[in-house]
All heavy atoms as atom14 arrays in JSON, in Angstrom:
{
  "sequence": "VQMDDAKATREFFVKNNVDIAHEVTMEGESVIF",
  "atom14_mask": [
    [1, 1, 1, 1, 1, 1, 1, 0, 0, 0, 0, 0, 0, 0],
    [1, 1, 1, 1, 1, 1, 1, 1, 1, 0, 0, 0, 0, 0],
    [1, 1, 1, 1, 1, 1, 1, 1, 0, 0, 0, 0, 0, 0],
    [1, 1, 1, 1, 1, 1, 1, 1, 0, 0, 0, 0, 0, 0],
    [1, 1, 1, 1, 1, 1, 1, 1, 0, 0, 0, 0, 0, 0],
    [1, 1, 1, 1, 1, 0, 0, 0, 0, 0, 0, 0, 0, 0],
    [1, 1, 1, 1, 1, 1, 1, 1, 1, 0, 0, 0, 0, 0],
    [1, 1, 1, 1, 1, 0, 0, 0, 0, 0, 0, 0, 0, 0],
    [1, 1, 1, 1, 1, 1, 1, 0, 0, 0, 0, 0, 0, 0],
    [1, 1, 1, 1, 1, 1, 1, 1, 1, 1, 1, 0, 0, 0],
    [1, 1, 1, 1, 1, 1, 1, 1, 1, 0, 0, 0, 0, 0],
    [1, 1, 1, 1, 1, 1, 1, 1, 1, 1, 1, 0, 0, 0],
    [1, 1, 1, 1, 1, 1, 1, 1, 1, 1, 1, 0, 0, 0],
    [1, 1, 1, 1, 1, 1, 1, 0, 0, 0, 0, 0, 0, 0],
    [1, 1, 1, 1, 1, 1, 1, 1, 1, 0, 0, 0, 0, 0],
    [1, 1, 1, 1, 1, 1, 1, 1, 0, 0, 0, 0, 0, 0],
    [1, 1, 1, 1, 1, 1, 1, 1, 0, 0, 0, 0, 0, 0],
    [1, 1, 1, 1, 1, 1, 1, 0, 0, 0, 0, 0, 0, 0],
    [1, 1, 1, 1, 1, 1, 1, 1, 0, 0, 0, 0, 0, 0],
    [1, 1, 1, 1, 1, 1, 1, 1, 0, 0, 0, 0, 0, 0],
    [1, 1, 1, 1, 1, 0, 0, 0, 0, 0, 0, 0, 0, 0],
    [1, 1, 1, 1, 1, 1, 1, 1, 1, 1, 0, 0, 0, 0],
    [1, 1, 1, 1, 1, 1, 1, 1, 1, 0, 0, 0, 0, 0],
    [1, 1, 1, 1, 1, 1, 1, 0, 0, 0, 0, 0, 0, 0],
    [1, 1, 1, 1, 1, 1, 1, 0, 0, 0, 0, 0, 0, 0],
    [1, 1, 1, 1, 1, 1, 1, 1, 0, 0, 0, 0, 0, 0],
    [1, 1, 1, 1, 1, 1, 1, 1, 1, 0, 0, 0, 0, 0],
    [1, 1, 1, 1, 0, 0, 0, 0, 0, 0, 0, 0, 0, 0],
    [1, 1, 1, 1, 1, 1, 1, 1, 1, 0, 0, 0, 0, 0],
    [1, 1, 1, 1, 1, 1, 0, 0, 0, 0, 0, 0, 0, 0],
    [1, 1, 1, 1, 1, 1, 1, 0, 0, 0, 0, 0, 0, 0],
    [1, 1, 1, 1, 1, 1, 1, 1, 0, 0, 0, 0, 0, 0],
    [1, 1, 1, 1, 1, 1, 1, 1, 1, 1, 1, 0, 0, 0]
  ],
  "atom14_positions": [
    [[5.5, 2.93, 8.04], [6.66, 3.22, 7.15], [6.13, 4.12, 6.07], [5.06, 4.03, 5.55], [7.14, 1.9, 6.46], [8.09, 2.06, 5.5], [7.38, 0.76, 7.61], [0.0, 0.0, 0.0], [0.0, 0.0, 0.0], [0.0, 0.0, 0.0], [0.0, 0.0, 0.0], [0.0, 0.0, 0.0], [0.0, 0.0, 0.0], [0.0, 0.0, 0.0]],
    [[7.02, 5.12, 5.66], [6.61, 6.05, 4.65], [7.11, 5.36, 3.4], [8.22, 4.93, 3.14], [7.24, 7.33, 4.76], [6.82, 8.43, 3.86], [7.39, 9.78, 4.12], [8.06, 10.12, 5.2], [7.24, 10.71, 3.15], [0.0, 0.0, 0.0], [0.0, 0.0, 0.0], [0.0, 0.0, 0.0], [0.0, 0.0, 0.0], [0.0, 0.0, 0.0]],
    [[6.19, 5.43, 2.4], [6.52, 4.96, 1.03], [6.45, 6.04, 0.05], [5.69, 7.06, 0.25], [5.57, 3.75, 0.64], [4.13, 4.21, 0.65], [3.09, 2.77, 0.29], [1.48, 3.41, 0.77], [0.0, 0.0, 0.0], [0.0, 0.0, 0.0], [0.0, 0.0, 0.0], [0.0, 0.0, 0.0], [0.0, 0.0, 0.0], [0.0, 0.0, 0.0]],
    [[7.15, 6.01, -1.06], [7.13, 7.06, -2.03], [6.22, 6.85, -3.26], [5.86, 7.78, -3.89], [8.51, 7.33, -2.52], [9.05, 6.23, -3.3], [8.53, 5.08, -3.4], [10.36, 6.3, -3.7], [0.0, 0.0, 0.0], [0.0, 0.0, 0.0], [0.0, 0.0, 0.0], [0.0, 0.0, 0.0], [0.0, 0.0, 0.0], [0.0, 0.0, 0.0]],
    [[5.62, 5.68, -3.34], [4.8, 5.25, -4.5], [3.86, 4.19, -4.09], [4.09, 3.01, -4.02], [5.55, 4.87, -5.63], [4.95, 4.58, -6.94], [3.67, 4.16, -6.86], [5.43, 4.83, -7.98], [0.0, 0.0, 0.0], [0.0, 0.0, 0.0], [0.0, 0.0, 0.0], [0.0, 0.0, 0.0], [0.0, 0.0, 0.0], [0.0, 0.0, 0.0]],
    [[2.6, 4.49, -3.64], [1.68, 3.71, -3.26], [1.29, 2.61, -4.3], [1.07, 1.4, -4.0], [0.31, 4.31, -2.67], [0.0, 0.0, 0.0], [0.0, 0.0, 0.0], [0.0, 0.0, 0.0], [0.0, 0.0, 0.0], [0.0, 0.0, 0.0], [0.0, 0.0, 0.0], [0.0, 0.0, 0.0], [0.0, 0.0, 0.0], [0.0, 0.0, 0.0]],
    [[1.15, 2.97, -5.49], [0.82, 1.95, -6.58], [1.81, 0.91, -6.68], [1.62, -0.36, -6.82], [0.5, 2.76, -7.85], [0.02, 1.78, -9.02], [-0.19, 2.5, -10.31], [-0.56, 1.54, -11.34], [-0.73, 2.09, -12.63], [0.0, 0.0, 0.0], [0.0, 0.0, 0.0], [0.0, 0.0, 0.0], [0.0, 0.0, 0.0], [0.0, 0.0, 0.0]],
    [[3.17, 1.42, -6.84], [4.23, 0.4, -6.99], [4.44, -0.51, -5.78], [4.72, -1.72, -5.88], [5.45, 1.24, -7.24], [0.0, 0.0, 0.0], [0.0, 0.0, 0.0], [0.0, 0.0, 0.0], [0.0, 0.0, 0.0], [0.0, 0.0, 0.0], [0.0, 0.0, 0.0], [0.0, 0.0, 0.0], [0.0, 0.0, 0.0], [0.0, 0.0, 0.0]],
    [[4.2, 0.1, -4.52], [4.38, -0.6, -3.2], [3.27, -1.79, -3.25], [3.45, -2.84, -2.95], [4.22, 0.32, -2.08], [5.24, 1.22, -2.07], [4.28, -0.52, -0.83], [0.0, 0.0, 0.0], [0.0, 0.0, 0.0], [0.0, 0.0, 0.0], [0.0, 0.0, 0.0], [0.0, 0.0, 0.0], [0.0, 0.0, 0.0], [0.0, 0.0, 0.0]],
    [[2.07, -1.33, -3.56], [0.78, -2.3, -3.62], [1.21, -3.45, -4.61], [0.94, -4.66, -4.33], [-0.37, -1.55, -3.98], [-1.57, -2.54, -3.86], [-2.93, -2.08, -4.34], [-4.0, -2.89, -3.86], [-4.31, -3.97, -4.33], [-3.56, -4.58, -5.22], [-5.37, -4.67, -3.96], [0.0, 0.0, 0.0], [0.0, 0.0, 0.0], [0.0, 0.0, 0.0]],
    [[1.67, -3.11, -5.83], [2.06, -4.04, -6.79], [3.02, -5.0, -6.39], [3.02, -6.16, -6.61], [2.41, -3.43, -8.09], [1.33, -2.76, -8.83], [1.65, -1.81, -10.01], [2.9, -1.72, -10.38], [0.83, -1.26, -10.69], [0.0, 0.0, 0.0], [0.0, 0.0, 0.0], [0.0, 0.0, 0.0], [0.0, 0.0, 0.0], [0.0, 0.0, 0.0]],
    [[4.11, -4.55, -5.64], [5.14, -5.39, -5.17], [4.5, -6.25, -4.14], [4.83, -7.6, -4.09], [6.2, -4.56, -4.44], [7.28, -5.31, -3.66], [8.26, -5.88, -4.41], [7.19, -5.33, -2.37], [9.26, -6.63, -3.76], [8.15, -6.09, -1.74], [9.12, -6.8, -2.41], [0.0, 0.0, 0.0], [0.0, 0.0, 0.0], [0.0, 0.0, 0.0]],
    [[3.46, -5.86, -3.32], [2.98, -6.68, -2.28], [2.21, -7.83, -2.94], [2.25, -8.91, -2.52], [2.0, -5.94, -1.3], [2.78, -4.98, -0.37], [2.18, -3.91, 0.19], [4.16, -5.23, 0.06], [2.81, -3.0, 1.06], [4.76, -4.38, 0.89], [4.19, -3.2, 1.41], [0.0, 0.0, 0.0], [0.0, 0.0, 0.0], [0.0, 0.0, 0.0]],
    [[1.37, -7.51, -3.93], [0.58, -8.48, -4.59], [1.47, -9.57, -5.39], [1.35, -10.69, -5.18], [-0.35, -7.77, -5.68], [-1.03, -8.82, -6.51], [-1.34, -6.93, -4.92], [0.0, 0.0, 0.0], [0.0, 0.0, 0.0], [0.0, 0.0, 0.0], [0.0, 0.0, 0.0], [0.0, 0.0, 0.0], [0.0, 0.0, 0.0], [0.0, 0.0, 0.0]],
    [[2.53, -9.03, -6.02], [3.54, -9.91, -6.74], [4.09, -10.91, -5.69], [4.31, -12.13, -6.09], [4.49, -9.05, -7.41], [5.61, -9.95, -8.09], [6.65, -9.02, -8.82], [7.84, -9.75, -9.25], [8.9, -8.89, -9.67], [0.0, 0.0, 0.0], [0.0, 0.0, 0.0], [0.0, 0.0, 0.0], [0.0, 0.0, 0.0], [0.0, 0.0, 0.0]],
    [[4.37, -10.49, -4.54], [5.06, -11.3, -3.44], [4.12, -11.91, -2.52], [4.56, -12.36, -1.48], [6.15, -10.5, -2.77], [7.29, -10.19, -3.72], [8.06, -11.02, -3.79], [7.31, -8.97, -4.3], [0.0, 0.0, 0.0], [0.0, 0.0, 0.0], [0.0, 0.0, 0.0], [0.0, 0.0, 0.0], [0.0, 0.0, 0.0], [0.0, 0.0, 0.0]],
    [[2.85, -11.96, -2.84], [1.85, -12.58, -1.99], [1.72, -12.19, -0.46], [1.55, -12.92, 0.39], [1.91, -14.12, -1.95], [1.79, -14.7, -3.38], [0.94, -14.4, -4.1], [2.86, -15.55, -3.61], [0.0, 0.0, 0.0], [0.0, 0.0, 0.0], [0.0, 0.0, 0.0], [0.0, 0.0, 0.0], [0.0, 0.0, 0.0], [0.0, 0.0, 0.0]],
    [[2.0, -10.87, -0.41], [1.9, -10.19, 0.83], [0.53, -10.05, 1.39], [-0.27, -9.72, 0.49], [2.64, -8.92, 0.99], [2.44, -8.1, 2.23], [4.16, -9.06, 0.74], [0.0, 0.0, 0.0], [0.0, 0.0, 0.0], [0.0, 0.0, 0.0], [0.0, 0.0, 0.0], [0.0, 0.0, 0.0], [0.0, 0.0, 0.0], [0.0, 0.0, 0.0]],
    [[0.07, -10.34, 2.54], [-1.27, -10.25, 3.0], [-1.53, -8.87, 3.42], [-1.13, -8.22, 4.28], [-1.34, -11.01, 4.33], [-2.74, -11.23, 4.97], [-3.77, -10.78, 4.25], [-2.84, -11.59, 5.98], [0.0, 0.0, 0.0], [0.0, 0.0, 0.0], [0.0, 0.0, 0.0], [0.0, 0.0, 0.0], [0.0, 0.0, 0.0], [0.0, 0.0, 0.0]],
    [[-2.44, -8.22, 2.38], [-2.84, -6.8, 2.48], [-4.05, -6.87, 3.39], [-5.23, -7.42, 2.98], [-3.06, -6.24, 1.09], [-1.74, -6.17, 0.37], [-3.69, -4.79, 1.3], [-1.98, -5.71, -1.08], [0.0, 0.0, 0.0], [0.0, 0.0, 0.0], [0.0, 0.0, 0.0], [0.0, 0.0, 0.0], [0.0, 0.0, 0.0], [0.0, 0.0, 0.0]],
    [[-4.14, -6.27, 4.58], [-4.98, -6.17, 5.47], [-6.16, -5.08, 5.32], [-7.34, -5.35, 5.53], [-4.57, -6.08, 6.91], [0.0, 0.0, 0.0], [0.0, 0.0, 0.0], [0.0, 0.0, 0.0], [0.0, 0.0, 0.0], [0.0, 0.0, 0.0], [0.0, 0.0, 0.0], [0.0, 0.0, 0.0], [0.0, 0.0, 0.0], [0.0, 0.0, 0.0]],
    [[-5.74, -4.02, 4.88], [-6.6, -2.81, 4.78], [-6.01, -1.73, 3.77], [-4.79, -1.48, 3.91], [-6.87, -2.26, 6.12], [-7.88, -1.22, 6.3], [-9.2, -1.4, 5.95], [-7.76, 0.03, 6.55], [-9.76, -0.2, 6.26], [-8.9, 0.74, 6.52], [0.0, 0.0, 0.0], [0.0, 0.0, 0.0], [0.0, 0.0, 0.0], [0.0, 0.0, 0.0]],
    [[-6.74, -1.08, 3.0], [-6.3, 0.05, 2.33], [-7.35, 1.13, 2.35], [-8.47, 0.92, 2.3], [-6.22, -0.3, 0.8], [-5.14, -1.41, 0.5], [-5.09, -1.79, -0.99], [-4.59, -1.06, -1.79], [-5.65, -2.87, -1.36], [0.0, 0.0, 0.0], [0.0, 0.0, 0.0], [0.0, 0.0, 0.0], [0.0, 0.0, 0.0], [0.0, 0.0, 0.0]],
    [[-6.91, 2.38, 2.49], [-7.67, 3.57, 2.67], [-6.91, 4.78, 2.27], [-5.72, 4.81, 2.24], [-8.24, 3.66, 4.18], [-7.01, 3.99, 5.05], [-9.36, 4.58, 4.24], [0.0, 0.0, 0.0], [0.0, 0.0, 0.0], [0.0, 0.0, 0.0], [0.0, 0.0, 0.0], [0.0, 0.0, 0.0], [0.0, 0.0, 0.0], [0.0, 0.0, 0.0]],
    [[-7.68, 5.84, 1.87], [-7.12, 7.12, 1.68], [-7.57, 7.97, 2.79], [-8.84, 8.13, 3.05], [-7.49, 7.66, 0.28], [-7.04, 6.84, -0.7], [-6.82, 9.08, 0.06], [0.0, 0.0, 0.0], [0.0, 0.0, 0.0], [0.0, 0.0, 0.0], [0.0, 0.0, 0.0], [0.0, 0.0, 0.0], [0.0, 0.0, 0.0], [0.0, 0.0, 0.0]],
    [[-6.54, 8.61, 3.51], [-7.08, 9.52, 4.59], [-6.21, 10.87, 4.47], [-5.04, 10.88, 4.33], [-6.62, 8.8, 5.98], [-7.45, 7.64, 6.31], [-7.37, 7.02, 7.92], [-5.51, 6.83, 8.17], [0.0, 0.0, 0.0], [0.0, 0.0, 0.0], [0.0, 0.0, 0.0], [0.0, 0.0, 0.0], [0.0, 0.0, 0.0], [0.0, 0.0, 0.0]],
    [[-7.1, 11.96, 4.5], [-6.48, 13.26, 4.39], [-5.45, 13.42, 3.27], [-4.46, 13.87, 3.24], [-5.76, 13.63, 5.73], [-6.74, 13.72, 6.87], [-6.0, 14.22, 8.14], [-4.94, 14.55, 8.06], [-6.77, 14.01, 9.17], [0.0, 0.0, 0.0], [0.0, 0.0, 0.0], [0.0, 0.0, 0.0], [0.0, 0.0, 0.0], [0.0, 0.0, 0.0]],
    [[-5.97, 12.62, 2.13], [-5.1, 12.71, 0.84], [-3.99, 11.7, 0.86], [-3.11, 11.83, -0.11], [0.0, 0.0, 0.0], [0.0, 0.0, 0.0], [0.0, 0.0, 0.0], [0.0, 0.0, 0.0], [0.0, 0.0, 0.0], [0.0, 0.0, 0.0], [0.0, 0.0, 0.0], [0.0, 0.0, 0.0], [0.0, 0.0, 0.0], [0.0, 0.0, 0.0]],
    [[-3.78, 10.96, 1.84], [-2.57, 9.98, 1.99], [-3.07, 8.73, 1.63], [-4.13, 8.2, 2.15], [-1.86, 10.03, 3.28], [-1.36, 11.38, 3.71], [-0.73, 11.48, 4.92], [-0.98, 10.61, 5.88], [0.19, 12.34, 5.13], [0.0, 0.0, 0.0], [0.0, 0.0, 0.0], [0.0, 0.0, 0.0], [0.0, 0.0, 0.0], [0.0, 0.0, 0.0]],
    [[-2.34, 7.93, 0.88], [-2.69, 6.45, 0.67], [-2.03, 5.73, 1.83], [-0.98, 5.78, 2.14], [-2.03, 5.98, -0.64], [-2.63, 6.59, -1.8], [0.0, 0.0, 0.0], [0.0, 0.0, 0.0], [0.0, 0.0, 0.0], [0.0, 0.0, 0.0], [0.0, 0.0, 0.0], [0.0, 0.0, 0.0], [0.0, 0.0, 0.0], [0.0, 0.0, 0.0]],
    [[-2.98, 4.77, 2.28], [-2.4, 4.05, 3.49], [-2.73, 2.5, 3.17], [-3.92, 2.14, 2.73], [-3.17, 4.4, 4.74], [-2.84, 3.42, 6.07], [-3.02, 5.85, 5.13], [0.0, 0.0, 0.0], [0.0, 0.0, 0.0], [0.0, 0.0, 0.0], [0.0, 0.0, 0.0], [0.0, 0.0, 0.0], [0.0, 0.0, 0.0], [0.0, 0.0, 0.0]],
    [[-1.72, 1.66, 3.29], [-1.83, 0.3, 3.07], [-1.41, -0.43, 4.39], [-0.29, -0.24, 4.9], [-1.02, -0.24, 2.0], [-1.39, 0.57, 0.69], [-1.19, -1.75, 1.73], [-0.42, 0.15, -0.48], [0.0, 0.0, 0.0], [0.0, 0.0, 0.0], [0.0, 0.0, 0.0], [0.0, 0.0, 0.0], [0.0, 0.0, 0.0], [0.0, 0.0, 0.0]],
    [[-2.28, -1.3, 5.05], [-1.8, -2.11, 6.08], [-1.56, -3.52, 5.53], [-2.43, -4.07, 4.86], [-2.99, -2.14, 7.15], [-2.95, -1.09, 8.09], [-3.65, 0.06, 7.94], [-2.05, -1.04, 9.3], [-3.82, 1.11, 8.72], [-2.31, -0.12, 10.21], [-3.12, 1.04, 9.98], [0.0, 0.0, 0.0], [0.0, 0.0, 0.0], [0.0, 0.0, 0.0]]
  ]
}
């Protein structure tokens, strides 16, 4: 899924207790699994 704001998306996941499996920056793109 393409997101427009990695920081806001991550904050939403944390706030909603979403299980974050992996985070990485690849070729300048923020990736959150």
